[in-house]
Amino acid sequence: MLEAARPCPSSLTQAATELMVEIGYTAMTMRKLALRVGILPGSLYHHVDCKQDCAARHHRTPQAGLGKRRPT
């Protein structure tokens, strides 16, 4: 049976969105996300199970990443 995703603080979702826009999904690591929000990497797993959860939340967030461009 699948478990429902735990609620994610908006600050974590926002930081994940910013990182994905800035450096891309592949380059974003849980360690980089933890550093961005100021918590220990292991503490992230109290909010999300994996990096894919962050991406899913990013795509469900209204206007996620709109108006922002990645540097070329």
N, C-alpha and C. Protein backbone atom coordinates (compact mmCIF):
# COMPACT_ATOMS: atom_id res chain seq x y z
N MET A 1 0.84 -1.18 0.00
CA MET A 1 0.00 0.00 0.00
C MET A 1 0.89 1.24 0.00
N LEU A 2 0.55 2.19 -0.85
CA LEU A 2 1.33 3.42 -0.92
C LEU A 2 0.97 4.34 0.23
N GLU A 3 1.98 4.98 0.73
CA GLU A 3 1.81 5.91 1.84
C GLU A 3 1.64 7.32 1.27
N ALA A 4 0.76 8.10 1.85
CA ALA A 4 0.58 9.48 1.40
C ALA A 4 1.83 10.29 1.72
N ALA A 5 2.16 11.20 0.82
CA ALA A 5 3.33 12.06 1.03
C ALA A 5 3.10 12.95 2.24
N ARG A 6 4.15 13.15 3.01
CA ARG A 6 4.07 14.03 4.17
C ARG A 6 4.00 15.48 3.69
N PRO A 7 3.32 16.34 4.44
CA PRO A 7 3.29 17.74 4.06
C PRO A 7 4.69 18.34 4.09
N CYS A 8 4.95 19.17 3.16
CA CYS A 8 6.28 19.78 3.04
C CYS A 8 6.16 21.28 3.34
N PRO A 9 7.01 21.80 4.21
CA PRO A 9 6.95 23.24 4.48
C PRO A 9 7.15 24.03 3.20
N SER A 10 6.44 25.12 3.07
CA SER A 10 6.53 25.92 1.85
C SER A 10 7.95 26.44 1.62
N SER A 11 8.69 26.67 2.69
CA SER A 11 10.07 27.15 2.52
C SER A 11 10.94 26.08 1.87
N LEU A 12 10.69 24.84 2.16
CA LEU A 12 11.44 23.74 1.55
C LEU A 12 11.06 23.60 0.08
N THR A 13 9.78 23.68 -0.21
CA THR A 13 9.32 23.61 -1.60
C THR A 13 9.90 24.78 -2.40
N GLN A 14 9.89 25.96 -1.83
CA GLN A 14 10.43 27.14 -2.50
C GLN A 14 11.92 26.98 -2.76
N ALA A 15 12.67 26.51 -1.78
CA ALA A 15 14.11 26.32 -1.94
C ALA A 15 14.40 25.28 -3.01
N ALA A 16 13.63 24.19 -3.03
CA ALA A 16 13.81 23.16 -4.05
C ALA A 16 13.53 23.72 -5.44
N THR A 17 12.47 24.51 -5.54
CA THR A 17 12.12 25.13 -6.82
C THR A 17 13.24 26.05 -7.30
N GLU A 18 13.75 26.88 -6.40
CA GLU A 18 14.84 27.80 -6.76
C GLU A 18 16.07 27.04 -7.23
N LEU A 19 16.43 25.98 -6.52
CA LEU A 19 17.60 25.19 -6.91
C LEU A 19 17.40 24.54 -8.27
N MET A 20 16.21 23.98 -8.51
CA MET A 20 15.96 23.35 -9.80
C MET A 20 16.03 24.36 -10.94
N VAL A 21 15.55 25.56 -10.69
CA VAL A 21 15.60 26.61 -11.71
C VAL A 21 17.05 27.06 -11.93
N GLU A 22 17.79 27.22 -10.84
CA GLU A 22 19.17 27.72 -10.92
C GLU A 22 20.14 26.70 -11.50
N ILE A 23 20.09 25.46 -11.02
CA ILE A 23 21.13 24.50 -11.43
C ILE A 23 20.59 23.26 -12.12
N GLY A 24 19.27 23.10 -12.15
CA GLY A 24 18.66 21.95 -12.81
C GLY A 24 18.42 20.79 -11.85
N TYR A 25 17.51 19.93 -12.26
CA TYR A 25 17.12 18.80 -11.42
C TYR A 25 18.29 17.86 -11.17
N THR A 26 19.03 17.54 -12.21
CA THR A 26 20.13 16.57 -12.08
C THR A 26 21.19 17.05 -11.10
N ALA A 27 21.51 18.33 -11.14
CA ALA A 27 22.57 18.87 -10.27
C ALA A 27 22.09 19.13 -8.85
N MET A 28 20.77 19.22 -8.66
CA MET A 28 20.26 19.47 -7.31
C MET A 28 20.39 18.19 -6.49
N THR A 29 21.03 18.31 -5.35
CA THR A 29 21.15 17.17 -4.45
C THR A 29 20.43 17.51 -3.15
N MET A 30 20.13 16.47 -2.40
CA MET A 30 19.49 16.70 -1.10
C MET A 30 20.43 17.48 -0.19
N ARG A 31 21.72 17.24 -0.32
CA ARG A 31 22.71 17.97 0.48
C ARG A 31 22.67 19.47 0.14
N LYS A 32 22.58 19.80 -1.15
CA LYS A 32 22.51 21.21 -1.56
C LYS A 32 21.21 21.85 -1.07
N LEU A 33 20.13 21.09 -1.13
CA LEU A 33 18.85 21.60 -0.65
C LEU A 33 18.91 21.86 0.85
N ALA A 34 19.48 20.92 1.59
CA ALA A 34 19.61 21.10 3.04
C ALA A 34 20.44 22.34 3.36
N LEU A 35 21.53 22.52 2.65
CA LEU A 35 22.38 23.70 2.85
C LEU A 35 21.59 24.98 2.58
N ARG A 36 20.79 24.96 1.53
CA ARG A 36 19.98 26.14 1.17
C ARG A 36 19.00 26.51 2.27
N VAL A 37 18.37 25.52 2.89
CA VAL A 37 17.36 25.82 3.91
C VAL A 37 17.94 25.85 5.32
N GLY A 38 19.22 25.49 5.46
CA GLY A 38 19.88 25.59 6.75
C GLY A 38 19.59 24.47 7.73
N ILE A 39 19.40 23.25 7.19
CA ILE A 39 19.21 22.11 8.07
C ILE A 39 20.17 20.99 7.68
N LEU A 40 20.29 19.98 8.52
CA LEU A 40 21.15 18.85 8.22
C LEU A 40 20.50 18.00 7.13
N PRO A 41 21.32 17.43 6.23
CA PRO A 41 20.75 16.63 5.13
C PRO A 41 19.79 15.54 5.61
N GLY A 42 20.13 14.86 6.69
CA GLY A 42 19.24 13.81 7.20
C GLY A 42 17.89 14.33 7.66
N SER A 43 17.85 15.58 8.06
CA SER A 43 16.59 16.17 8.52
C SER A 43 15.59 16.37 7.39
N LEU A 44 16.08 16.46 6.16
CA LEU A 44 15.17 16.62 5.02
C LEU A 44 14.21 15.44 4.91
N TYR A 45 14.70 14.27 5.30
CA TYR A 45 13.89 13.06 5.14
C TYR A 45 12.73 12.99 6.12
N HIS A 46 12.60 13.97 7.00
CA HIS A 46 11.41 14.09 7.83
C HIS A 46 10.29 14.76 7.03
N HIS A 47 10.66 15.39 5.91
CA HIS A 47 9.70 16.13 5.09
C HIS A 47 9.46 15.50 3.73
N VAL A 48 10.48 14.91 3.14
CA VAL A 48 10.38 14.27 1.83
C VAL A 48 11.12 12.94 1.87
N ASP A 49 10.68 12.03 1.02
CA ASP A 49 11.34 10.72 0.97
C ASP A 49 12.55 10.72 0.04
N CYS A 50 12.50 11.55 -1.00
CA CYS A 50 13.57 11.54 -1.99
C CYS A 50 13.50 12.80 -2.85
N LYS A 51 14.49 12.96 -3.69
CA LYS A 51 14.57 14.12 -4.58
C LYS A 51 13.36 14.18 -5.51
N GLN A 52 12.86 13.03 -5.92
CA GLN A 52 11.71 12.99 -6.81
C GLN A 52 10.48 13.62 -6.16
N ASP A 53 10.35 13.50 -4.84
CA ASP A 53 9.24 14.15 -4.13
C ASP A 53 9.33 15.67 -4.27
N CYS A 54 10.54 16.20 -4.19
CA CYS A 54 10.74 17.65 -4.36
C CYS A 54 10.31 18.08 -5.76
N ALA A 55 10.66 17.29 -6.75
CA ALA A 55 10.30 17.61 -8.13
C ALA A 55 8.79 17.56 -8.32
N ALA A 56 8.15 16.55 -7.73
CA ALA A 56 6.69 16.44 -7.84
C ALA A 56 6.01 17.63 -7.20
N ARG A 57 6.51 18.04 -6.03
CA ARG A 57 5.93 19.21 -5.36
C ARG A 57 6.18 20.47 -6.17
N HIS A 58 7.33 20.55 -6.80
CA HIS A 58 7.67 21.70 -7.65
C HIS A 58 6.65 21.83 -8.77
N HIS A 59 6.29 20.73 -9.39
CA HIS A 59 5.36 20.77 -10.51
C HIS A 59 3.92 20.98 -10.08
N ARG A 60 3.60 20.71 -8.83
CA ARG A 60 2.25 20.97 -8.33
C ARG A 60 2.09 22.37 -7.77
N THR A 61 3.20 23.09 -7.59
CA THR A 61 3.16 24.43 -7.03
C THR A 61 2.72 25.41 -8.12
N PRO A 62 1.67 26.20 -7.87
CA PRO A 62 1.24 27.17 -8.88
C PRO A 62 2.38 28.09 -9.29
N GLN A 63 2.53 28.26 -10.57
CA GLN A 63 3.54 29.15 -11.16
C GLN A 63 4.96 28.78 -10.75
N ALA A 64 5.22 27.51 -10.52
CA ALA A 64 6.55 27.06 -10.11
C ALA A 64 7.57 27.42 -11.18
N GLY A 65 8.48 28.28 -10.82
CA GLY A 65 9.58 28.62 -11.71
C GLY A 65 9.22 29.56 -12.84
N LEU A 66 7.96 29.98 -12.95
CA LEU A 66 7.60 30.87 -14.04
C LEU A 66 8.25 32.24 -13.86
N GLY A 67 8.70 32.79 -14.94
CA GLY A 67 9.30 34.10 -14.89
C GLY A 67 10.77 34.07 -14.52
N LYS A 68 11.30 32.90 -14.26
CA LYS A 68 12.70 32.78 -13.91
C LYS A 68 13.42 32.06 -15.05
N ARG A 69 14.58 32.50 -15.37
CA ARG A 69 15.34 31.87 -16.43
C ARG A 69 16.65 31.39 -15.88
N ARG A 70 17.05 30.22 -16.34
CA ARG A 70 18.35 29.69 -15.97
C ARG A 70 19.42 30.40 -16.77
N PRO A 71 20.55 30.70 -16.15
CA PRO A 71 21.65 31.32 -16.89
C PRO A 71 22.13 30.37 -17.97
N THR A 72 22.53 30.92 -19.09
CA THR A 72 23.03 30.08 -20.20
C THR A 72 24.52 30.10 -20.26
